Amino acid sequence: MYLRCLIAAGARERADPDFQRARHRSDGRSSDSPGVRPAFWPFVSGHGPFEFAAITISRAAGLLLGKTLIAPGRLTRLAALRAHARDAAALVSGAALMLLSAAMVEAFWSASGAATGVKYVV
């Protein structure tokens, strides 16, 4: 079903001139053109490292709990989960603080009008 939808969308895009015109900006360039993309890296460079690190730490917490459930060792699954839940909670709490700081950077620094070079250095 998904593949049929993709094929139908591609056929519509090729056949419908109004659909093709909607993809172009008012200055005549396509929205896919390189002129639109240069704002991406300066925007992401400030908050991206915090966000990606927090996501990785959250994954580690999930893997810790998953490993505990799959291979509890000599403990029962519930006892093993209780033993490792504190470590996982500490990881997730730290990741939440990192995501909060990434949100602050994204809201106030990434969206600011600072020069691109300054955003990369900071």
Protein backbone atom coordinates (compact mmCIF):
# COMPACT_ATOMS: atom_id res chain seq x y z
CA MET A 1 0.00 0.00 0.00
CA TYR A 2 2.78 2.42 0.94
CA LEU A 3 4.65 1.68 -2.28
CA ARG A 4 1.50 2.32 -4.34
CA CYS A 5 1.07 5.69 -2.62
CA LEU A 6 4.68 6.63 -3.41
CA ILE A 7 4.28 5.61 -7.05
CA ALA A 8 1.00 7.55 -7.32
CA ALA A 9 2.60 10.64 -5.76
CA GLY A 10 5.51 10.46 -8.19
CA ALA A 11 3.15 10.13 -11.15
CA ARG A 12 1.14 13.10 -9.91
CA GLU A 13 4.28 15.17 -9.52
CA ARG A 14 5.37 14.48 -13.08
CA ALA A 15 1.93 14.93 -14.66
CA ASP A 16 0.48 17.90 -12.75
CA PRO A 17 2.04 21.26 -13.72
CA ASP A 18 0.28 23.02 -10.81
CA PHE A 19 1.96 20.65 -8.39
CA GLN A 20 5.34 21.42 -9.96
CA ARG A 21 4.71 25.17 -9.76
CA ALA A 22 3.83 24.88 -6.07
CA ARG A 23 7.32 23.54 -5.35
CA HIS A 24 8.95 26.72 -6.70
CA ARG A 25 9.49 29.80 -4.62
CA SER A 26 8.42 33.26 -5.65
CA ASP A 27 11.94 34.14 -6.85
CA GLY A 28 11.84 31.26 -9.36
CA ARG A 29 14.17 28.89 -7.53
CA SER A 30 13.02 25.45 -6.52
CA SER A 31 12.59 24.78 -2.81
CA ASP A 32 15.11 21.96 -3.36
CA SER A 33 17.77 24.33 -4.66
CA PRO A 34 21.04 24.85 -2.77
CA GLY A 35 20.10 28.49 -2.09
CA VAL A 36 17.68 27.39 0.63
CA ARG A 37 20.00 25.01 2.48
CA PRO A 38 22.83 27.26 3.78
CA ALA A 39 20.78 28.19 6.86
CA PHE A 40 20.60 24.57 8.02
CA TRP A 41 24.11 24.01 9.42
CA PRO A 42 24.41 27.30 11.33
CA PHE A 43 21.03 26.59 12.90
CA VAL A 44 21.82 23.00 13.91
CA SER A 45 25.47 23.40 14.94
CA GLY A 46 24.67 25.08 18.26
CA HIS A 47 22.12 22.70 19.72
CA GLY A 48 22.73 19.53 17.72
CA PRO A 49 25.60 18.09 19.79
CA PHE A 50 23.61 18.40 23.04
CA GLU A 51 20.55 16.87 21.46
CA PHE A 52 22.35 13.95 19.80
CA ALA A 53 24.31 13.18 22.98
CA ALA A 54 21.11 13.19 25.04
CA ILE A 55 19.43 10.85 22.56
CA THR A 56 22.43 8.50 22.71
CA ILE A 57 22.43 8.50 26.52
CA SER A 58 18.69 7.74 26.52
CA ARG A 59 19.32 4.84 24.18
CA ALA A 60 21.97 3.54 26.57
CA ALA A 61 19.46 3.63 29.43
CA GLY A 62 16.96 1.70 27.35
CA LEU A 63 19.58 -0.85 26.38
CA LEU A 64 20.53 -1.27 30.04
CA LEU A 65 16.93 -2.02 30.98
CA GLY A 66 16.46 -4.27 27.96
CA LYS A 67 19.60 -6.24 28.78
CA THR A 68 18.37 -6.59 32.35
CA LEU A 69 15.07 -8.05 31.17
CA ILE A 70 16.67 -10.41 28.64
CA ALA A 71 19.55 -11.62 30.80
CA PRO A 72 18.79 -10.98 34.49
CA GLY A 73 21.60 -13.23 35.75
CA ARG A 74 21.03 -14.90 39.11
CA LEU A 75 18.23 -12.47 40.07
CA THR A 76 14.61 -12.65 39.09
CA ARG A 77 13.64 -10.31 36.26
CA LEU A 78 11.83 -7.95 38.61
CA ALA A 79 14.71 -7.84 41.10
CA ALA A 80 17.22 -7.25 38.29
CA LEU A 81 15.04 -4.50 36.87
CA ARG A 82 14.81 -2.84 40.28
CA ALA A 83 18.58 -3.09 40.69
CA HIS A 84 19.30 -1.38 37.37
CA ALA A 85 16.39 1.06 37.35
CA ARG A 86 18.27 3.61 39.47
CA ASP A 87 21.17 3.72 37.01
CA ALA A 88 18.78 4.04 34.08
CA ALA A 89 16.83 6.79 35.85
CA ALA A 90 20.05 8.72 36.47
CA LEU A 91 20.96 8.44 32.80
CA VAL A 92 17.52 9.57 31.65
CA SER A 93 17.52 12.49 34.13
CA GLY A 94 20.86 13.68 32.80
CA ALA A 95 19.61 13.30 29.23
CA ALA A 96 16.50 15.33 30.09
CA LEU A 97 18.68 18.17 31.38
CA MET A 98 20.75 18.00 28.21
CA LEU A 99 17.60 18.16 26.08
CA LEU A 100 16.42 21.15 28.10
CA SER A 101 19.72 22.94 27.49
CA ALA A 102 19.53 22.03 23.79
CA ALA A 103 16.03 23.51 23.67
CA MET A 104 17.27 26.74 25.24
CA VAL A 105 20.15 26.98 22.78
CA GLU A 106 17.80 26.22 19.89
CA ALA A 107 15.26 28.81 20.98
CA PHE A 108 17.59 31.67 21.82
CA TRP A 109 20.93 31.11 20.08
CA SER A 110 20.30 29.04 16.95
CA ALA A 111 17.41 31.24 15.86
CA SER A 112 19.28 34.46 16.62
CA GLY A 113 20.67 36.75 13.95
CA ALA A 114 24.29 36.16 14.93
CA ALA A 115 26.80 35.75 12.13
CA THR A 116 27.37 32.24 10.83
CA GLY A 117 31.03 32.20 11.85
CA VAL A 118 30.14 33.21 15.40
CA LYS A 119 27.56 30.42 15.63
CA TYR A 120 30.14 27.85 14.51
CA VAL A 121 32.79 29.08 16.99
CA VAL A 122 30.47 29.25 19.98
